[in-house]
Amino acid sequence: MPGVQGGNGPLQPASAMPATSEVTRNQRVGINLVTAPANPVAYAVGATGRPSDRGPFMIIGMFSSVVLVLVCILVHYEALRIVSSQLPGPSWIGLRGRMLAVVAACFLAHTIEVWIFAVAYYFLSDHFALGSIAGERQIDFPDLVYFSAVTYSTIGFGDLYPIGGARLLAGVEAVIGLLLIGWSASFTYLVMERFWPLHAIRRKRPAADGKEAVPPRLWHRLPD
C-alpha cells in the first residue's frame, strides 16, 4: 500500500491516516462517537441525532421527574412545618438556638432531597438502563450523590454529565433545587424578621412576669 509523506515525519501507510471521509459519513448518517480514556464507544442514533428509542426515554424521564418534584416538595414542606410548629420553643434554647434549628432543618431537607435524586439516578441507570451519569472514571453511588448535589445547587462543575434519560432528570433537579433553596431562604428571613428584634428587647429590660418575651405569631401554626 503506498505511503503518504507527513509534514515533518517519515512515510506513513495510508491506513494510518485519519479517515476524514469516514468520520464525515458517520456524522451524516447519525453515528455519534463518545470517547472515554482508551476506550472509544460508538452507539447508533437516529437520523436526527437523537436516540432511536427516544419515546420511552422521554416518557419515563418525564414521569420520574414529576414524581421526584412532588416528593421533594412534600419533604420540604413537612420539614418547614415541623420546625415552625416547634417555635418559639422552650426558653432555654435561646434566640440563637432557634435560628440554628431553623437553618439545620432547612439544610436537612435539602440533604434528603439531594439523596432522593441520587437514588433516582441509581435506579434509572442500574435497574432500568434508561440513562446514566458518565465521567472520566467508573461511576459509583457516592459519585451519584456528588452529581446530584452540584446539580441541585446549580453549580455544575462538568466533571460528571448525564446521558440518556438522566439528562431530563438533571435539568428538572436544577430547577426544583433553585426553587426549594429560595423557599428555605424566604422561610429563614421570616423567622429572623420576628426573632431578631428580641435581642434589643432583651438588652433593654426583662419581661415583667419573669418569662421570656416571644415575638408575634409568624403564621397560623406558630403558637402565641
N, C-alpha and C. Protein backbone atom coordinates (compact mmCIF):
# COMPACT_ATOMS: atom_id res chain seq x y z
N MET A 1 0.85 -1.18 0.00
CA MET A 1 0.00 0.00 0.00
C MET A 1 0.89 1.24 0.00
N PRO A 2 0.64 2.17 -0.87
CA PRO A 2 1.51 3.35 -0.95
C PRO A 2 1.42 4.17 0.31
N GLY A 3 2.54 4.85 0.60
CA GLY A 3 2.60 5.67 1.81
C GLY A 3 2.31 7.11 1.50
N VAL A 4 2.18 7.88 2.58
CA VAL A 4 1.91 9.32 2.48
C VAL A 4 2.95 10.03 3.29
N GLN A 5 3.58 11.03 2.70
CA GLN A 5 4.61 11.78 3.38
C GLN A 5 4.00 12.75 4.37
N GLY A 6 4.42 12.65 5.66
CA GLY A 6 3.94 13.57 6.68
C GLY A 6 4.63 14.90 6.57
N GLY A 7 4.17 15.85 7.34
CA GLY A 7 4.74 17.19 7.30
C GLY A 7 6.19 17.20 7.73
N ASN A 8 6.53 16.57 8.87
CA ASN A 8 7.90 16.56 9.38
C ASN A 8 8.35 15.15 9.73
N GLY A 9 7.66 14.16 9.27
CA GLY A 9 7.98 12.79 9.67
C GLY A 9 8.16 11.88 8.48
N PRO A 10 8.41 10.61 8.75
CA PRO A 10 8.62 9.65 7.67
C PRO A 10 7.32 9.30 6.98
N LEU A 11 7.47 8.45 5.97
CA LEU A 11 6.30 7.99 5.25
C LEU A 11 5.40 7.18 6.18
N GLN A 12 4.09 7.37 6.04
CA GLN A 12 3.11 6.62 6.81
C GLN A 12 2.20 5.89 5.87
N PRO A 13 1.78 4.67 6.23
CA PRO A 13 0.83 3.96 5.37
C PRO A 13 -0.50 4.70 5.32
N ALA A 14 -1.18 4.53 4.22
CA ALA A 14 -2.44 5.24 4.04
C ALA A 14 -3.47 4.81 5.06
N SER A 15 -3.36 3.56 5.55
CA SER A 15 -4.35 3.08 6.52
C SER A 15 -4.20 3.76 7.87
N ALA A 16 -3.03 4.34 8.14
CA ALA A 16 -2.80 5.01 9.42
C ALA A 16 -3.28 6.45 9.41
N MET A 17 -3.66 6.97 8.27
CA MET A 17 -4.11 8.35 8.19
C MET A 17 -5.56 8.46 8.68
N PRO A 18 -5.97 9.61 9.24
CA PRO A 18 -7.34 9.78 9.71
C PRO A 18 -8.33 9.63 8.56
N ALA A 19 -9.35 8.88 8.79
CA ALA A 19 -10.37 8.64 7.77
C ALA A 19 -11.39 9.77 7.83
N THR A 20 -11.01 10.91 7.23
CA THR A 20 -11.87 12.09 7.29
C THR A 20 -13.20 11.84 6.62
N SER A 21 -13.16 11.19 5.47
CA SER A 21 -14.41 10.93 4.78
C SER A 21 -15.30 9.99 5.57
N GLU A 22 -14.68 9.04 6.29
CA GLU A 22 -15.48 8.11 7.09
C GLU A 22 -16.14 8.82 8.26
N VAL A 23 -15.41 9.72 8.92
CA VAL A 23 -15.98 10.48 10.01
C VAL A 23 -17.14 11.34 9.52
N THR A 24 -16.92 11.99 8.34
CA THR A 24 -17.97 12.81 7.78
C THR A 24 -19.20 11.98 7.45
N ARG A 25 -18.97 10.78 6.92
CA ARG A 25 -20.10 9.92 6.60
C ARG A 25 -20.84 9.49 7.85
N ASN A 26 -20.10 9.19 8.93
CA ASN A 26 -20.74 8.79 10.17
C ASN A 26 -21.60 9.91 10.75
N GLN A 27 -21.10 11.14 10.66
CA GLN A 27 -21.89 12.27 11.14
C GLN A 27 -23.14 12.47 10.31
N ARG A 28 -23.03 12.20 9.00
CA ARG A 28 -24.17 12.41 8.14
C ARG A 28 -25.27 11.39 8.39
N VAL A 29 -24.93 10.14 8.64
CA VAL A 29 -25.93 9.10 8.85
C VAL A 29 -26.35 9.01 10.30
N GLY A 30 -25.65 9.70 11.20
CA GLY A 30 -26.10 9.74 12.58
C GLY A 30 -25.37 8.80 13.50
N ILE A 31 -24.07 8.57 13.33
CA ILE A 31 -23.28 7.77 14.25
C ILE A 31 -22.50 8.72 15.13
N ASN A 32 -22.73 8.64 16.41
CA ASN A 32 -22.09 9.54 17.35
C ASN A 32 -21.03 8.77 18.12
N LEU A 33 -19.83 9.33 18.23
CA LEU A 33 -18.72 8.69 18.92
C LEU A 33 -18.52 9.36 20.26
N VAL A 34 -18.63 8.59 21.35
CA VAL A 34 -18.35 9.07 22.69
C VAL A 34 -17.02 8.46 23.10
N THR A 35 -16.03 9.30 23.29
CA THR A 35 -14.68 8.82 23.55
C THR A 35 -14.37 8.90 25.02
N ALA A 36 -14.08 7.75 25.63
CA ALA A 36 -13.61 7.67 27.00
C ALA A 36 -12.12 7.38 26.95
N PRO A 37 -11.38 7.55 28.06
CA PRO A 37 -9.95 7.30 28.05
C PRO A 37 -9.62 5.87 27.62
N ALA A 38 -8.96 5.76 26.48
CA ALA A 38 -8.50 4.48 25.94
C ALA A 38 -9.65 3.51 25.73
N ASN A 39 -10.87 4.00 25.58
CA ASN A 39 -12.00 3.10 25.41
C ASN A 39 -13.06 3.78 24.56
N PRO A 40 -12.84 3.90 23.23
CA PRO A 40 -13.84 4.54 22.39
C PRO A 40 -15.10 3.68 22.33
N VAL A 41 -16.24 4.32 22.46
CA VAL A 41 -17.51 3.62 22.42
C VAL A 41 -18.38 4.30 21.38
N ALA A 42 -18.99 3.52 20.51
CA ALA A 42 -19.85 4.07 19.48
C ALA A 42 -21.26 3.55 19.69
N TYR A 43 -22.24 4.43 19.54
CA TYR A 43 -23.61 3.98 19.64
C TYR A 43 -24.39 4.65 18.52
N ALA A 44 -25.35 3.92 18.02
CA ALA A 44 -26.12 4.39 16.88
C ALA A 44 -27.26 5.26 17.35
N VAL A 45 -27.49 6.33 16.63
CA VAL A 45 -28.62 7.21 16.89
C VAL A 45 -29.38 7.39 15.60
N GLY A 46 -30.54 7.99 15.71
CA GLY A 46 -31.36 8.16 14.53
C GLY A 46 -30.84 9.24 13.61
N ALA A 47 -31.59 9.47 12.54
CA ALA A 47 -31.15 10.43 11.54
C ALA A 47 -31.14 11.84 12.06
N THR A 48 -31.90 12.10 13.11
CA THR A 48 -31.94 13.45 13.67
C THR A 48 -30.89 13.66 14.74
N GLY A 49 -30.04 12.66 14.99
CA GLY A 49 -29.02 12.79 16.01
C GLY A 49 -29.51 12.47 17.40
N ARG A 50 -30.70 11.88 17.52
CA ARG A 50 -31.24 11.53 18.81
C ARG A 50 -31.38 10.02 18.89
N PRO A 51 -31.45 9.45 20.10
CA PRO A 51 -31.62 8.01 20.20
C PRO A 51 -32.90 7.57 19.51
N SER A 52 -32.82 6.42 18.84
CA SER A 52 -33.97 5.94 18.09
C SER A 52 -35.13 5.58 19.00
N ASP A 53 -34.85 5.24 20.29
CA ASP A 53 -35.92 4.91 21.23
C ASP A 53 -36.17 6.07 22.18
N ARG A 54 -36.16 7.31 21.62
CA ARG A 54 -36.30 8.48 22.47
C ARG A 54 -37.68 8.57 23.09
N GLY A 55 -38.70 7.90 22.52
CA GLY A 55 -40.03 7.92 23.10
C GLY A 55 -40.06 7.40 24.52
N PRO A 56 -39.64 6.15 24.77
CA PRO A 56 -39.60 5.65 26.16
C PRO A 56 -38.70 6.47 27.07
N PHE A 57 -37.57 6.96 26.54
CA PHE A 57 -36.68 7.80 27.34
C PHE A 57 -37.43 9.01 27.87
N MET A 58 -38.14 9.69 26.99
CA MET A 58 -38.81 10.92 27.37
C MET A 58 -39.99 10.66 28.30
N ILE A 59 -40.77 9.61 28.00
CA ILE A 59 -41.95 9.33 28.81
C ILE A 59 -41.56 8.97 30.23
N ILE A 60 -40.62 8.03 30.36
CA ILE A 60 -40.20 7.61 31.70
C ILE A 60 -39.47 8.74 32.41
N GLY A 61 -38.67 9.51 31.67
CA GLY A 61 -37.98 10.65 32.27
C GLY A 61 -38.95 11.70 32.79
N MET A 62 -39.99 11.99 32.01
CA MET A 62 -40.98 12.98 32.45
C MET A 62 -41.77 12.48 33.65
N PHE A 63 -42.15 11.20 33.62
CA PHE A 63 -42.90 10.64 34.75
C PHE A 63 -42.05 10.65 36.02
N SER A 64 -40.79 10.24 35.89
CA SER A 64 -39.89 10.24 37.05
C SER A 64 -39.67 11.64 37.58
N SER A 65 -39.57 12.61 36.68
CA SER A 65 -39.35 13.99 37.10
C SER A 65 -40.54 14.52 37.90
N VAL A 66 -41.75 14.23 37.43
CA VAL A 66 -42.94 14.70 38.14
C VAL A 66 -43.02 14.09 39.53
N VAL A 67 -42.77 12.78 39.62
CA VAL A 67 -42.83 12.10 40.92
C VAL A 67 -41.78 12.67 41.88
N LEU A 68 -40.55 12.86 41.39
CA LEU A 68 -39.48 13.37 42.24
C LEU A 68 -39.75 14.80 42.69
N VAL A 69 -40.30 15.62 41.81
CA VAL A 69 -40.62 17.00 42.19
C VAL A 69 -41.67 17.02 43.30
N LEU A 70 -42.70 16.21 43.17
CA LEU A 70 -43.74 16.16 44.19
C LEU A 70 -43.19 15.65 45.52
N VAL A 71 -42.35 14.63 45.46
CA VAL A 71 -41.77 14.09 46.70
C VAL A 71 -40.90 15.14 47.38
N CYS A 72 -40.07 15.83 46.62
CA CYS A 72 -39.19 16.85 47.22
C CYS A 72 -39.99 18.00 47.80
N ILE A 73 -41.06 18.41 47.14
CA ILE A 73 -41.88 19.50 47.68
C ILE A 73 -42.52 19.07 49.00
N LEU A 74 -43.01 17.82 49.06
CA LEU A 74 -43.62 17.33 50.30
C LEU A 74 -42.58 17.24 51.42
N VAL A 75 -41.38 16.76 51.09
CA VAL A 75 -40.33 16.67 52.10
C VAL A 75 -40.00 18.05 52.65
N HIS A 76 -39.87 19.02 51.77
CA HIS A 76 -39.51 20.38 52.19
C HIS A 76 -40.64 21.00 53.00
N TYR A 77 -41.86 20.80 52.56
CA TYR A 77 -42.99 21.37 53.29
C TYR A 77 -43.08 20.80 54.69
N GLU A 78 -42.93 19.48 54.83
CA GLU A 78 -43.03 18.87 56.14
C GLU A 78 -41.88 19.31 57.05
N ALA A 79 -40.69 19.45 56.50
CA ALA A 79 -39.56 19.90 57.32
C ALA A 79 -39.80 21.30 57.86
N LEU A 80 -40.25 22.21 57.02
CA LEU A 80 -40.52 23.57 57.49
C LEU A 80 -41.74 23.63 58.40
N ARG A 81 -42.72 22.78 58.15
CA ARG A 81 -43.89 22.76 59.01
C ARG A 81 -43.53 22.29 60.41
N ILE A 82 -42.71 21.26 60.50
CA ILE A 82 -42.33 20.73 61.81
C ILE A 82 -41.53 21.75 62.60
N VAL A 83 -40.56 22.38 61.94
CA VAL A 83 -39.74 23.35 62.68
C VAL A 83 -40.56 24.58 63.07
N SER A 84 -41.51 24.98 62.23
CA SER A 84 -42.34 26.13 62.58
C SER A 84 -43.29 25.81 63.72
N SER A 85 -43.75 24.56 63.80
CA SER A 85 -44.66 24.18 64.89
C SER A 85 -43.95 24.14 66.23
N GLN A 86 -42.62 24.04 66.22
CA GLN A 86 -41.85 23.99 67.47
C GLN A 86 -41.36 25.36 67.92
N LEU A 87 -41.63 26.39 67.14
CA LEU A 87 -41.24 27.75 67.52
C LEU A 87 -42.35 28.40 68.32
N PRO A 88 -42.07 29.22 69.32
CA PRO A 88 -40.74 29.64 69.75
C PRO A 88 -39.97 28.62 70.56
N GLY A 89 -40.63 27.58 71.09
CA GLY A 89 -39.92 26.54 71.80
C GLY A 89 -39.59 26.90 73.24
N PRO A 90 -38.89 26.01 73.94
CA PRO A 90 -38.51 26.29 75.33
C PRO A 90 -37.60 27.51 75.44
N SER A 91 -37.67 28.17 76.58
CA SER A 91 -36.88 29.38 76.76
C SER A 91 -35.38 29.10 76.86
N TRP A 92 -35.01 27.87 77.29
CA TRP A 92 -33.59 27.58 77.45
C TRP A 92 -32.86 27.47 76.12
N ILE A 93 -33.60 27.29 75.03
CA ILE A 93 -32.95 27.19 73.72
C ILE A 93 -32.30 28.51 73.34
N GLY A 94 -32.96 29.61 73.63
CA GLY A 94 -32.42 30.91 73.28
C GLY A 94 -32.69 31.27 71.83
N LEU A 95 -32.47 32.53 71.52
CA LEU A 95 -32.72 33.02 70.16
C LEU A 95 -31.75 32.41 69.16
N ARG A 96 -30.49 32.31 69.54
CA ARG A 96 -29.50 31.73 68.63
C ARG A 96 -29.78 30.26 68.37
N GLY A 97 -30.19 29.57 69.41
CA GLY A 97 -30.53 28.16 69.24
C GLY A 97 -31.71 27.95 68.31
N ARG A 98 -32.67 28.84 68.36
CA ARG A 98 -33.83 28.73 67.47
C ARG A 98 -33.43 28.97 66.02
N MET A 99 -32.59 29.95 65.80
CA MET A 99 -32.14 30.19 64.43
C MET A 99 -31.30 29.03 63.91
N LEU A 100 -30.46 28.47 64.79
CA LEU A 100 -29.70 27.29 64.38
C LEU A 100 -30.62 26.14 64.03
N ALA A 101 -31.69 25.97 64.78
CA ALA A 101 -32.63 24.90 64.50
C ALA A 101 -33.31 25.10 63.15
N VAL A 102 -33.65 26.34 62.84
CA VAL A 102 -34.30 26.64 61.55
C VAL A 102 -33.36 26.34 60.39
N VAL A 103 -32.12 26.83 60.49
CA VAL A 103 -31.16 26.60 59.40
C VAL A 103 -30.83 25.12 59.27
N ALA A 104 -30.69 24.42 60.41
CA ALA A 104 -30.40 22.98 60.37
C ALA A 104 -31.54 22.21 59.73
N ALA A 105 -32.78 22.60 60.01
CA ALA A 105 -33.92 21.92 59.40
C ALA A 105 -33.94 22.13 57.89
N CYS A 106 -33.64 23.35 57.45
CA CYS A 106 -33.59 23.61 56.00
C CYS A 106 -32.48 22.81 55.35
N PHE A 107 -31.31 22.77 55.99
CA PHE A 107 -30.19 22.03 55.42
C PHE A 107 -30.50 20.53 55.38
N LEU A 108 -31.14 20.01 56.42
CA LEU A 108 -31.50 18.60 56.43
C LEU A 108 -32.48 18.27 55.31
N ALA A 109 -33.44 19.16 55.08
CA ALA A 109 -34.40 18.93 54.00
C ALA A 109 -33.69 18.91 52.65
N HIS A 110 -32.77 19.84 52.42
CA HIS A 110 -32.03 19.85 51.16
C HIS A 110 -31.19 18.58 51.00
N THR A 111 -30.58 18.11 52.08
CA THR A 111 -29.77 16.90 52.00
C THR A 111 -30.63 15.69 51.62
N ILE A 112 -31.80 15.58 52.22
CA ILE A 112 -32.69 14.47 51.88
C ILE A 112 -33.09 14.53 50.41
N GLU A 113 -33.36 15.72 49.92
CA GLU A 113 -33.77 15.87 48.52
C GLU A 113 -32.64 15.53 47.56
N VAL A 114 -31.41 15.88 47.91
CA VAL A 114 -30.26 15.51 47.08
C VAL A 114 -30.14 13.99 47.01
N TRP A 115 -30.30 13.32 48.14
CA TRP A 115 -30.20 11.87 48.16
C TRP A 115 -31.36 11.22 47.40
N ILE A 116 -32.52 11.82 47.42
CA ILE A 116 -33.65 11.28 46.66
C ILE A 116 -33.31 11.25 45.17
N PHE A 117 -32.75 12.33 44.65
CA PHE A 117 -32.38 12.35 43.23
C PHE A 117 -31.22 11.40 42.95
N ALA A 118 -30.28 11.27 43.90
CA ALA A 118 -29.18 10.33 43.70
C ALA A 118 -29.69 8.90 43.58
N VAL A 119 -30.64 8.53 44.42
CA VAL A 119 -31.24 7.19 44.33
C VAL A 119 -31.97 7.03 43.00
N ALA A 120 -32.63 8.10 42.54
CA ALA A 120 -33.31 8.03 41.25
C ALA A 120 -32.32 7.80 40.11
N TYR A 121 -31.17 8.49 40.12
CA TYR A 121 -30.14 8.25 39.11
C TYR A 121 -29.65 6.81 39.17
N TYR A 122 -29.51 6.29 40.38
CA TYR A 122 -29.00 4.92 40.53
C TYR A 122 -29.96 3.91 39.91
N PHE A 123 -31.25 4.01 40.24
CA PHE A 123 -32.22 3.07 39.69
C PHE A 123 -32.42 3.27 38.20
N LEU A 124 -32.35 4.51 37.75
CA LEU A 124 -32.53 4.79 36.33
C LEU A 124 -31.44 4.15 35.48
N SER A 125 -30.22 4.11 36.02
CA SER A 125 -29.09 3.58 35.24
C SER A 125 -28.87 2.10 35.47
N ASP A 126 -28.91 1.64 36.73
CA ASP A 126 -28.53 0.26 37.03
C ASP A 126 -29.69 -0.72 36.95
N HIS A 127 -30.92 -0.27 37.11
CA HIS A 127 -32.05 -1.18 37.12
C HIS A 127 -32.92 -1.06 35.87
N PHE A 128 -33.00 0.13 35.29
CA PHE A 128 -33.86 0.32 34.13
C PHE A 128 -33.06 0.59 32.85
N ALA A 129 -31.77 0.87 32.99
CA ALA A 129 -30.89 1.12 31.83
C ALA A 129 -31.47 2.17 30.89
N LEU A 130 -32.00 3.23 31.45
CA LEU A 130 -32.61 4.29 30.65
C LEU A 130 -31.78 5.56 30.64
N GLY A 131 -30.66 5.54 31.28
CA GLY A 131 -29.79 6.70 31.34
C GLY A 131 -28.72 6.46 32.38
N SER A 132 -27.73 7.30 32.39
CA SER A 132 -26.63 7.11 33.35
C SER A 132 -25.89 8.43 33.52
N ILE A 133 -24.97 8.40 34.47
CA ILE A 133 -24.07 9.51 34.72
C ILE A 133 -22.68 9.06 34.31
N ALA A 134 -22.03 9.80 33.45
CA ALA A 134 -20.72 9.42 32.92
C ALA A 134 -19.67 10.40 33.38
N GLY A 135 -18.44 9.94 33.32
CA GLY A 135 -17.31 10.78 33.69
C GLY A 135 -16.01 10.17 33.23
N GLU A 136 -14.92 10.60 33.84
CA GLU A 136 -13.60 10.15 33.42
C GLU A 136 -13.22 8.81 34.03
N ARG A 137 -14.01 8.29 34.95
CA ARG A 137 -13.70 7.01 35.57
C ARG A 137 -14.99 6.28 35.89
N GLN A 138 -14.87 5.11 36.47
CA GLN A 138 -16.04 4.33 36.84
C GLN A 138 -16.88 5.08 37.87
N ILE A 139 -18.19 5.14 37.63
CA ILE A 139 -19.09 5.89 38.48
C ILE A 139 -19.72 4.95 39.51
N ASP A 140 -19.65 5.32 40.79
CA ASP A 140 -20.31 4.56 41.84
C ASP A 140 -21.33 5.46 42.54
N PHE A 141 -21.97 4.93 43.57
CA PHE A 141 -23.07 5.67 44.20
C PHE A 141 -22.61 6.98 44.83
N PRO A 142 -21.48 7.05 45.54
CA PRO A 142 -21.05 8.36 46.05
C PRO A 142 -20.88 9.41 44.95
N ASP A 143 -20.47 8.98 43.76
CA ASP A 143 -20.39 9.92 42.64
C ASP A 143 -21.77 10.43 42.24
N LEU A 144 -22.78 9.56 42.34
CA LEU A 144 -24.14 9.99 42.03
C LEU A 144 -24.65 11.01 43.05
N VAL A 145 -24.29 10.81 44.31
CA VAL A 145 -24.66 11.79 45.34
C VAL A 145 -23.97 13.13 45.07
N TYR A 146 -22.69 13.06 44.70
CA TYR A 146 -21.95 14.29 44.37
C TYR A 146 -22.57 14.99 43.16
N PHE A 147 -22.90 14.22 42.12
CA PHE A 147 -23.51 14.83 40.93
C PHE A 147 -24.86 15.43 41.26
N SER A 148 -25.64 14.75 42.10
CA SER A 148 -26.94 15.28 42.50
C SER A 148 -26.78 16.58 43.28
N ALA A 149 -25.76 16.66 44.15
CA ALA A 149 -25.55 17.87 44.95
C ALA A 149 -25.18 19.06 44.07
N VAL A 150 -24.25 18.87 43.13
CA VAL A 150 -23.82 20.01 42.30
C VAL A 150 -24.91 20.39 41.31
N THR A 151 -25.77 19.44 40.93
CA THR A 151 -26.88 19.77 40.04
C THR A 151 -27.99 20.47 40.80
N TYR A 152 -28.30 19.97 41.99
CA TYR A 152 -29.35 20.57 42.83
C TYR A 152 -29.02 22.01 43.17
N SER A 153 -27.76 22.28 43.46
CA SER A 153 -27.33 23.63 43.81
C SER A 153 -26.99 24.47 42.59
N THR A 154 -27.19 23.94 41.39
CA THR A 154 -26.95 24.61 40.10
C THR A 154 -25.49 25.05 39.95
N ILE A 155 -24.56 24.31 40.58
CA ILE A 155 -23.14 24.62 40.40
C ILE A 155 -22.66 24.02 39.08
N GLY A 156 -22.80 22.69 38.93
CA GLY A 156 -22.47 22.03 37.68
C GLY A 156 -21.02 22.17 37.28
N PHE A 157 -20.12 21.48 37.98
CA PHE A 157 -18.69 21.57 37.66
C PHE A 157 -18.38 21.02 36.27
N GLY A 158 -19.11 20.02 35.80
CA GLY A 158 -18.90 19.49 34.47
C GLY A 158 -18.04 18.25 34.43
N ASP A 159 -17.48 17.81 35.57
CA ASP A 159 -16.67 16.60 35.54
C ASP A 159 -17.52 15.35 35.38
N LEU A 160 -18.79 15.42 35.77
CA LEU A 160 -19.76 14.35 35.53
C LEU A 160 -20.91 14.93 34.71
N TYR A 161 -21.48 14.12 33.85
CA TYR A 161 -22.55 14.61 32.98
C TYR A 161 -23.56 13.50 32.74
N PRO A 162 -24.83 13.86 32.53
CA PRO A 162 -25.87 12.85 32.33
C PRO A 162 -25.94 12.38 30.89
N ILE A 163 -26.41 11.15 30.72
CA ILE A 163 -26.58 10.55 29.40
C ILE A 163 -27.98 9.94 29.34
N GLY A 164 -28.62 10.04 28.21
CA GLY A 164 -29.92 9.40 28.02
C GLY A 164 -31.01 10.07 28.84
N GLY A 165 -31.85 9.22 29.47
CA GLY A 165 -32.97 9.75 30.24
C GLY A 165 -32.56 10.56 31.44
N ALA A 166 -31.32 10.41 31.90
CA ALA A 166 -30.85 11.18 33.05
C ALA A 166 -30.69 12.66 32.72
N ARG A 167 -30.62 13.02 31.46
CA ARG A 167 -30.46 14.43 31.10
C ARG A 167 -31.68 15.25 31.51
N LEU A 168 -32.87 14.73 31.22
CA LEU A 168 -34.08 15.44 31.62
C LEU A 168 -34.19 15.52 33.13
N LEU A 169 -33.84 14.43 33.80
CA LEU A 169 -33.91 14.40 35.26
C LEU A 169 -32.96 15.43 35.88
N ALA A 170 -31.77 15.56 35.31
CA ALA A 170 -30.81 16.53 35.83
C ALA A 170 -31.30 17.96 35.63
N GLY A 171 -31.90 18.24 34.50
CA GLY A 171 -32.44 19.58 34.28
C GLY A 171 -33.56 19.93 35.24
N VAL A 172 -34.44 18.96 35.50
CA VAL A 172 -35.53 19.20 36.44
C VAL A 172 -34.98 19.37 37.85
N GLU A 173 -33.95 18.61 38.21
CA GLU A 173 -33.37 18.74 39.55
C GLU A 173 -32.79 20.14 39.76
N ALA A 174 -32.16 20.69 38.76
CA ALA A 174 -31.61 22.04 38.89
C ALA A 174 -32.72 23.07 39.12
N VAL A 175 -33.83 22.91 38.42
CA VAL A 175 -34.94 23.86 38.57
C VAL A 175 -35.58 23.74 39.96
N ILE A 176 -35.88 22.51 40.38
CA ILE A 176 -36.53 22.33 41.68
C ILE A 176 -35.56 22.67 42.81
N GLY A 177 -34.27 22.42 42.62
CA GLY A 177 -33.30 22.80 43.64
C GLY A 177 -33.25 24.30 43.84
N LEU A 178 -33.25 25.04 42.75
CA LEU A 178 -33.25 26.50 42.85
C LEU A 178 -34.50 27.01 43.54
N LEU A 179 -35.64 26.39 43.22
CA LEU A 179 -36.90 26.80 43.84
C LEU A 179 -36.91 26.51 45.34
N LEU A 180 -36.46 25.33 45.74
CA LEU A 180 -36.50 24.96 47.15
C LEU A 180 -35.47 25.73 47.97
N ILE A 181 -34.33 26.04 47.38
CA ILE A 181 -33.35 26.87 48.07
C ILE A 181 -33.93 28.27 48.33
N GLY A 182 -34.63 28.80 47.35
CA GLY A 182 -35.30 30.08 47.56
C GLY A 182 -36.39 30.01 48.62
N TRP A 183 -37.09 28.88 48.67
CA TRP A 183 -38.11 28.68 49.70
C TRP A 183 -37.48 28.70 51.09
N SER A 184 -36.35 28.00 51.24
CA SER A 184 -35.65 27.99 52.53
C SER A 184 -35.16 29.39 52.91
N ALA A 185 -34.66 30.13 51.91
CA ALA A 185 -34.18 31.48 52.20
C ALA A 185 -35.30 32.39 52.66
N SER A 186 -36.46 32.31 52.02
CA SER A 186 -37.58 33.16 52.44
C SER A 186 -38.11 32.75 53.81
N PHE A 187 -38.14 31.44 54.09
CA PHE A 187 -38.59 30.99 55.40
C PHE A 187 -37.64 31.48 56.50
N THR A 188 -36.34 31.37 56.26
CA THR A 188 -35.36 31.83 57.24
C THR A 188 -35.48 33.34 57.46
N TYR A 189 -35.73 34.08 56.40
CA TYR A 189 -35.89 35.52 56.53
C TYR A 189 -37.10 35.87 57.39
N LEU A 190 -38.22 35.16 57.20
CA LEU A 190 -39.41 35.43 58.00
C LEU A 190 -39.15 35.16 59.48
N VAL A 191 -38.44 34.08 59.78
CA VAL A 191 -38.14 33.77 61.17
C VAL A 191 -37.21 34.82 61.76
N MET A 192 -36.18 35.20 61.02
CA MET A 192 -35.25 36.21 61.51
C MET A 192 -35.94 37.56 61.71
N GLU A 193 -36.88 37.88 60.85
CA GLU A 193 -37.58 39.16 60.96
C GLU A 193 -38.34 39.26 62.27
N ARG A 194 -38.84 38.12 62.77
CA ARG A 194 -39.61 38.13 64.01
C ARG A 194 -38.72 38.01 65.25
N PHE A 195 -37.67 37.22 65.16
CA PHE A 195 -36.84 36.97 66.33
C PHE A 195 -35.70 37.97 66.50
N TRP A 196 -35.24 38.58 65.43
CA TRP A 196 -34.09 39.46 65.50
C TRP A 196 -34.30 40.64 66.44
N PRO A 197 -35.46 41.32 66.42
CA PRO A 197 -35.64 42.46 67.35
C PRO A 197 -35.61 42.07 68.82
N LEU A 198 -35.79 40.81 69.15
CA LEU A 198 -35.79 40.40 70.56
C LEU A 198 -34.43 40.57 71.21
N HIS A 199 -33.36 40.59 70.43
CA HIS A 199 -32.04 40.83 71.01
C HIS A 199 -32.00 42.21 71.67
N ALA A 200 -32.55 43.21 71.01
CA ALA A 200 -32.58 44.57 71.58
C ALA A 200 -33.51 44.64 72.78
N ILE A 201 -34.65 43.93 72.71
CA ILE A 201 -35.60 43.94 73.82
C ILE A 201 -34.98 43.32 75.05
N ARG A 202 -34.24 42.24 74.86
CA ARG A 202 -33.60 41.58 75.99
C ARG A 202 -32.56 42.49 76.66
N ARG A 203 -31.83 43.23 75.85
CA ARG A 203 -30.80 44.09 76.42
C ARG A 203 -31.40 45.25 77.20
N LYS A 204 -32.58 45.71 76.79
CA LYS A 204 -33.19 46.86 77.45
C LYS A 204 -33.80 46.49 78.79
N ARG A 205 -34.68 45.47 78.80
CA ARG A 205 -35.36 45.13 80.05
C ARG A 205 -35.87 43.70 79.97
N PRO A 206 -35.94 43.02 81.09
CA PRO A 206 -36.56 41.71 81.10
C PRO A 206 -38.08 41.82 81.10
N ALA A 207 -38.73 40.74 80.86
CA ALA A 207 -40.19 40.73 80.88
C ALA A 207 -40.68 40.94 82.30
N ALA A 208 -41.85 41.56 82.45
CA ALA A 208 -42.36 41.92 83.77
C ALA A 208 -42.67 40.69 84.62
N ASP A 209 -43.19 39.64 84.02
CA ASP A 209 -43.55 38.45 84.78
C ASP A 209 -42.42 37.45 84.89
N GLY A 210 -41.24 37.80 84.44
CA GLY A 210 -40.11 36.90 84.52
C GLY A 210 -40.02 35.90 83.40
N LYS A 211 -41.02 35.87 82.53
CA LYS A 211 -41.00 34.95 81.40
C LYS A 211 -40.37 35.63 80.20
N GLU A 212 -39.91 34.79 79.30
CA GLU A 212 -39.26 35.32 78.10
C GLU A 212 -40.28 35.88 77.14
N ALA A 213 -40.00 37.06 76.62
CA ALA A 213 -40.91 37.64 75.64
C ALA A 213 -40.79 36.88 74.33
N VAL A 214 -41.92 36.70 73.67
CA VAL A 214 -41.95 35.99 72.40
C VAL A 214 -42.45 36.93 71.33
N PRO A 215 -42.02 36.75 70.11
CA PRO A 215 -42.46 37.62 69.02
C PRO A 215 -43.89 37.31 68.63
N PRO A 216 -44.52 38.19 67.86
CA PRO A 216 -45.87 37.89 67.36
C PRO A 216 -45.86 36.62 66.53
N ARG A 217 -47.03 36.03 66.41
CA ARG A 217 -47.09 34.78 65.67
C ARG A 217 -46.69 35.00 64.21
N LEU A 218 -45.95 34.01 63.67
CA LEU A 218 -45.49 34.12 62.30
C LEU A 218 -46.59 33.75 61.32
N TRP A 219 -47.29 32.69 61.60
CA TRP A 219 -48.38 32.23 60.77
C TRP A 219 -49.27 31.38 61.65
N HIS A 220 -50.30 30.77 61.08
CA HIS A 220 -51.34 30.15 61.90
C HIS A 220 -50.83 28.96 62.70
N ARG A 221 -49.73 28.34 62.31
CA ARG A 221 -49.23 27.18 63.03
C ARG A 221 -48.29 27.56 64.18
N LEU A 222 -47.89 28.79 64.25
CA LEU A 222 -46.98 29.22 65.31
C LEU A 222 -47.80 29.67 66.53
N PRO A 223 -47.66 29.01 67.68
CA PRO A 223 -48.48 29.39 68.84
C PRO A 223 -48.08 30.75 69.37
N ASP A 224 -49.02 31.39 70.04
CA ASP A 224 -48.75 32.70 70.66
C ASP A 224 -47.83 32.53 71.86
